Amino acid sequence: MKLSMGQIAEYLDLPVQTVERWIRQGRIPVHRDGHSCAFHRGTLERWAKAHNLKFSPPRSRQETPQEDPLENLLPVMQRGGIHYGIQAEGVASALREVTKRIPGIASEHREELLEGLLERERLASTGVGRGIAIPHLRTPLSELLSEPVITTCFLAHPMDYRAVDDQPVFVLFALLCPSVKAHLHLLSRLSYCARDNAFIDFLRSVPAEKDVIERIAKFEKQLELSGM
């Protein structure tokens, strides 16, 4: 079956730019064929189900309230805050300190959140390489959060985080979202930043909060200009 990029976006109920980006990144199981995408419907339906996404022709959907538009990195990082000099002696210790600093979580739920982050680390390290970790949960936090947050924590000392490249981690971007769609959108944009050599060097200098925000704002402009 062949559909245009716009049709695939409608079937998945996602922005076209997001679908284009995920296809380029190999996140969606499709094959590009000129301006169309060829795919096995059953495979795509299973992929959507595994990621808690809709997959149905627009005409088959009931009228539902329009979802809030996806936010980009800048407001989500500003909401989550940037913290410095985090003292930690291991992954569990680091995540406990990070959890203390995530806004919008009721005190009685912080232990639950910490256990969820630790469970995710037991599956596979969220140390994505080059000194960066992106702690997150296996499932969205719709019952605990009404809007996504990214809380940035610079460690006092780089530490072994069992990262994919075995390099010590010096900064954590804790990503928490109320929906899978928001999580995938923000993770994709954050990963784009983390692949930039100049950005890694910039982070290693432990820049001031205002400088981090300015740098992320520049990245957002680049992403918009590239249609991502």
Protein backbone atom coordinates (compact mmCIF):
# COMPACT_ATOMS: atom_id res chain seq x y z
CA MET A 1 0.00 0.00 0.00
CA LYS A 2 1.27 3.50 -0.82
CA LEU A 3 0.31 6.72 0.89
CA SER A 4 1.64 10.23 0.65
CA MET A 5 3.50 11.66 3.62
CA GLY A 6 0.44 13.74 4.42
CA GLN A 7 -1.81 10.67 4.43
CA ILE A 8 0.51 8.76 6.75
CA ALA A 9 0.51 11.77 9.09
CA GLU A 10 -3.32 11.73 9.04
CA TYR A 11 -3.47 7.99 9.73
CA LEU A 12 -1.11 8.45 12.71
CA ASP A 13 -2.67 11.77 13.76
CA LEU A 14 0.74 13.46 13.79
CA PRO A 15 2.21 16.61 12.19
CA VAL A 16 3.69 15.94 8.74
CA GLN A 17 7.05 17.35 9.87
CA THR A 18 7.20 14.85 12.72
CA VAL A 19 6.44 11.92 10.41
CA GLU A 20 9.08 13.09 7.91
CA ARG A 21 11.66 13.36 10.68
CA TRP A 22 10.85 9.94 12.15
CA ILE A 23 11.05 8.31 8.70
CA ARG A 24 14.46 9.92 8.09
CA GLN A 25 15.59 8.65 11.48
CA GLY A 26 14.30 5.14 10.81
CA ARG A 27 11.79 5.26 13.67
CA ILE A 28 8.78 4.33 11.50
CA PRO A 29 8.83 0.99 9.61
CA VAL A 30 8.23 2.32 6.08
CA HIS A 31 10.13 2.45 2.79
CA ARG A 32 10.38 5.74 0.92
CA ASP A 33 9.51 5.65 -2.79
CA GLY A 34 9.83 9.07 -4.35
CA HIS A 35 7.16 11.27 -2.81
CA SER A 36 5.24 8.28 -1.46
CA CYS A 37 5.88 5.79 1.31
CA ALA A 38 5.32 2.08 0.78
CA PHE A 39 4.58 0.07 3.89
CA HIS A 40 2.86 -3.04 5.19
CA ARG A 41 -0.29 -1.91 6.91
CA GLY A 42 -0.17 -4.61 9.57
CA THR A 43 3.44 -3.74 10.44
CA LEU A 44 2.63 -0.06 10.79
CA GLU A 45 -0.48 -0.77 12.85
CA ARG A 46 1.57 -2.93 15.25
CA TRP A 47 4.24 -0.21 15.48
CA ALA A 48 1.61 2.42 16.28
CA LYS A 49 0.00 0.20 18.91
CA ALA A 50 3.38 -0.47 20.54
CA HIS A 51 3.94 3.29 20.81
CA ASN A 52 0.39 4.07 22.02
CA LEU A 53 -0.38 6.00 18.84
CA LYS A 54 -3.58 6.05 16.78
CA PHE A 55 -3.62 4.40 13.36
CA SER A 56 -6.84 4.82 11.43
CA PRO A 57 -8.17 6.71 8.41
CA PRO A 58 -9.34 10.18 9.47
CA ARG A 59 -12.93 9.50 8.33
CA SER A 60 -13.18 6.53 10.70
CA ARG A 61 -12.44 8.64 13.77
CA GLN A 62 -15.11 10.06 16.01
CA GLU A 63 -15.08 13.79 16.66
CA THR A 64 -12.69 14.31 19.55
CA PRO A 65 -11.41 17.44 21.27
CA GLN A 66 -8.33 18.79 19.50
CA GLU A 67 -5.12 17.92 21.30
CA ASP A 68 -2.79 20.64 22.46
CA PRO A 69 0.01 21.33 19.94
CA LEU A 70 3.37 19.69 20.62
CA GLU A 71 5.79 21.93 22.50
CA ASN A 72 9.39 22.34 21.49
CA LEU A 73 12.48 22.10 23.69
CA LEU A 74 12.75 25.71 24.81
CA PRO A 75 9.59 26.08 26.95
CA VAL A 76 9.90 22.51 28.24
CA MET A 77 13.51 23.04 29.39
CA GLN A 78 12.65 26.39 30.95
CA ARG A 79 9.81 24.72 32.83
CA GLY A 80 12.06 21.91 34.09
CA GLY A 81 14.91 24.15 35.23
CA ILE A 82 18.69 23.87 35.03
CA HIS A 83 20.68 22.78 38.10
CA TYR A 84 24.40 22.69 38.81
CA GLY A 85 26.88 20.90 41.05
CA ILE A 86 24.75 17.79 41.61
CA GLN A 87 26.58 15.46 43.99
CA ALA A 88 26.15 11.76 43.16
CA GLU A 89 28.10 8.55 43.70
CA GLY A 90 26.26 6.29 41.28
CA VAL A 91 23.32 6.06 38.90
CA ALA A 92 20.74 5.55 41.65
CA SER A 93 22.17 8.44 43.65
CA ALA A 94 22.17 10.71 40.58
CA LEU A 95 18.57 9.87 39.72
CA ARG A 96 17.45 10.47 43.29
CA GLU A 97 18.99 13.94 43.18
CA VAL A 98 17.45 14.63 39.77
CA THR A 99 14.02 13.47 40.96
CA LYS A 100 14.15 15.95 43.85
CA ARG A 101 14.49 18.80 41.35
CA ILE A 102 11.77 17.90 38.84
CA PRO A 103 8.91 20.40 39.25
CA GLY A 104 5.22 19.59 39.22
CA ILE A 105 5.46 16.20 40.98
CA ALA A 106 3.65 15.82 44.29
CA SER A 107 5.93 14.78 47.15
CA GLU A 108 4.06 11.50 47.69
CA HIS A 109 4.77 10.48 44.07
CA ARG A 110 8.50 11.18 43.96
CA GLU A 111 9.53 7.73 45.18
CA GLU A 112 7.26 6.19 42.56
CA LEU A 113 8.90 8.37 39.92
CA LEU A 114 12.38 7.42 41.11
CA GLU A 115 11.56 3.71 40.95
CA GLY A 116 10.25 4.17 37.42
CA LEU A 117 13.48 5.87 36.34
CA LEU A 118 15.56 3.14 37.95
CA GLU A 119 13.48 0.45 36.27
CA ARG A 120 14.16 2.08 32.90
CA GLU A 121 17.90 2.08 33.64
CA ARG A 122 17.78 -1.63 34.50
CA LEU A 123 16.45 -2.33 31.01
CA ALA A 124 19.19 -0.32 29.29
CA SER A 125 21.23 2.71 30.20
CA THR A 126 19.85 6.07 29.13
CA GLY A 127 23.43 7.28 28.82
CA VAL A 128 23.27 8.11 25.11
CA GLY A 129 27.00 8.79 24.81
CA ARG A 130 29.48 11.67 24.80
CA GLY A 131 28.78 12.47 28.44
CA ILE A 132 25.00 12.88 28.12
CA ALA A 133 22.20 10.89 29.73
CA ILE A 134 18.48 11.32 29.05
CA PRO A 135 16.64 9.60 31.93
CA HIS A 136 13.00 8.88 31.15
CA LEU A 137 10.22 6.42 31.90
CA ARG A 138 8.97 3.44 29.93
CA THR A 139 5.41 4.79 29.93
CA PRO A 140 3.96 8.33 29.90
CA LEU A 141 3.08 10.17 33.11
CA SER A 142 -0.43 11.31 32.24
CA GLU A 143 -1.59 10.71 35.81
CA LEU A 144 1.26 12.72 37.37
CA LEU A 145 2.01 15.48 34.83
CA SER A 146 -0.21 17.77 32.78
CA GLU A 147 2.64 19.09 30.60
CA PRO A 148 6.13 17.84 29.64
CA VAL A 149 9.30 18.88 31.47
CA ILE A 150 13.01 18.49 30.84
CA THR A 151 15.06 19.03 33.99
CA THR A 152 18.75 19.60 33.23
CA CYS A 153 21.29 18.60 35.87
CA PHE A 154 25.05 19.17 35.60
CA LEU A 155 26.92 16.76 37.88
CA ALA A 156 29.64 18.03 40.20
CA HIS A 157 31.89 15.28 38.83
CA PRO A 158 31.53 13.06 35.73
CA MET A 159 30.52 9.54 36.68
CA ASP A 160 30.21 6.04 35.26
CA TYR A 161 26.64 5.75 33.98
CA ARG A 162 27.03 2.55 31.94
CA ALA A 163 26.59 4.72 28.85
CA VAL A 164 26.56 3.15 25.38
CA ASP A 165 30.07 4.48 24.65
CA ASP A 166 31.40 3.89 28.20
CA GLN A 167 32.22 7.58 28.58
CA PRO A 168 31.49 9.20 31.97
CA VAL A 169 28.30 11.24 32.09
CA PHE A 170 28.48 14.88 33.17
CA VAL A 171 24.97 16.15 32.37
CA LEU A 172 21.50 14.62 32.61
CA PHE A 173 18.38 15.78 30.76
CA ALA A 174 15.49 14.15 32.64
CA LEU A 175 12.61 13.95 30.16
CA LEU A 176 9.09 13.40 31.51
CA CYS A 177 5.94 13.66 29.40
CA PRO A 178 2.22 13.04 29.85
CA SER A 179 1.96 11.37 26.39
CA VAL A 180 4.01 9.12 24.13
CA LYS A 181 3.59 11.56 21.25
CA ALA A 182 5.15 14.43 23.22
CA HIS A 183 7.91 12.13 24.48
CA LEU A 184 8.95 11.00 20.98
CA HIS A 185 8.79 14.55 19.65
CA LEU A 186 11.01 15.99 22.41
CA LEU A 187 13.40 13.04 22.47
CA SER A 188 13.97 13.42 18.75
CA ARG A 189 14.79 17.12 19.07
CA LEU A 190 17.00 16.61 22.11
CA SER A 191 18.88 13.82 20.32
CA TYR A 192 19.46 16.18 17.39
CA CYS A 193 21.17 18.64 19.74
CA ALA A 194 23.23 15.88 21.37
CA ARG A 195 24.73 14.89 18.01
CA ASP A 196 26.26 18.33 17.49
CA ASN A 197 29.98 18.44 18.38
CA ALA A 198 29.95 22.15 19.15
CA PHE A 199 26.99 21.68 21.49
CA ILE A 200 28.80 18.93 23.40
CA ASP A 201 31.84 21.19 23.85
CA PHE A 202 29.51 24.00 24.93
CA LEU A 203 27.89 21.77 27.59
CA ARG A 204 31.29 20.64 28.89
CA SER A 205 32.04 24.27 29.76
CA VAL A 206 29.08 24.11 32.20
CA PRO A 207 27.45 27.25 30.75
CA ALA A 208 25.16 29.56 32.68
CA GLU A 209 21.43 28.94 32.47
CA LYS A 210 20.77 31.94 30.22
CA ASP A 211 23.46 30.72 27.80
CA VAL A 212 21.95 27.24 27.66
CA ILE A 213 18.53 28.71 26.90
CA GLU A 214 19.99 30.95 24.18
CA ARG A 215 21.76 27.99 22.58
CA ILE A 216 18.60 25.86 22.61
CA ALA A 217 16.66 28.75 21.03
CA LYS A 218 19.19 28.76 18.16
CA PHE A 219 18.78 25.01 17.72
CA GLU A 220 15.01 25.42 17.55
CA LYS A 221 15.41 27.95 14.72
CA GLN A 222 17.68 25.50 12.86
CA LEU A 223 15.15 22.71 13.31
CA GLU A 224 12.29 24.86 12.05
CA LEU A 225 14.27 26.04 9.02
CA SER A 226 15.16 22.43 8.16
CA GLY A 227 11.51 21.43 8.47
CA MET A 228 12.15 19.06 11.38
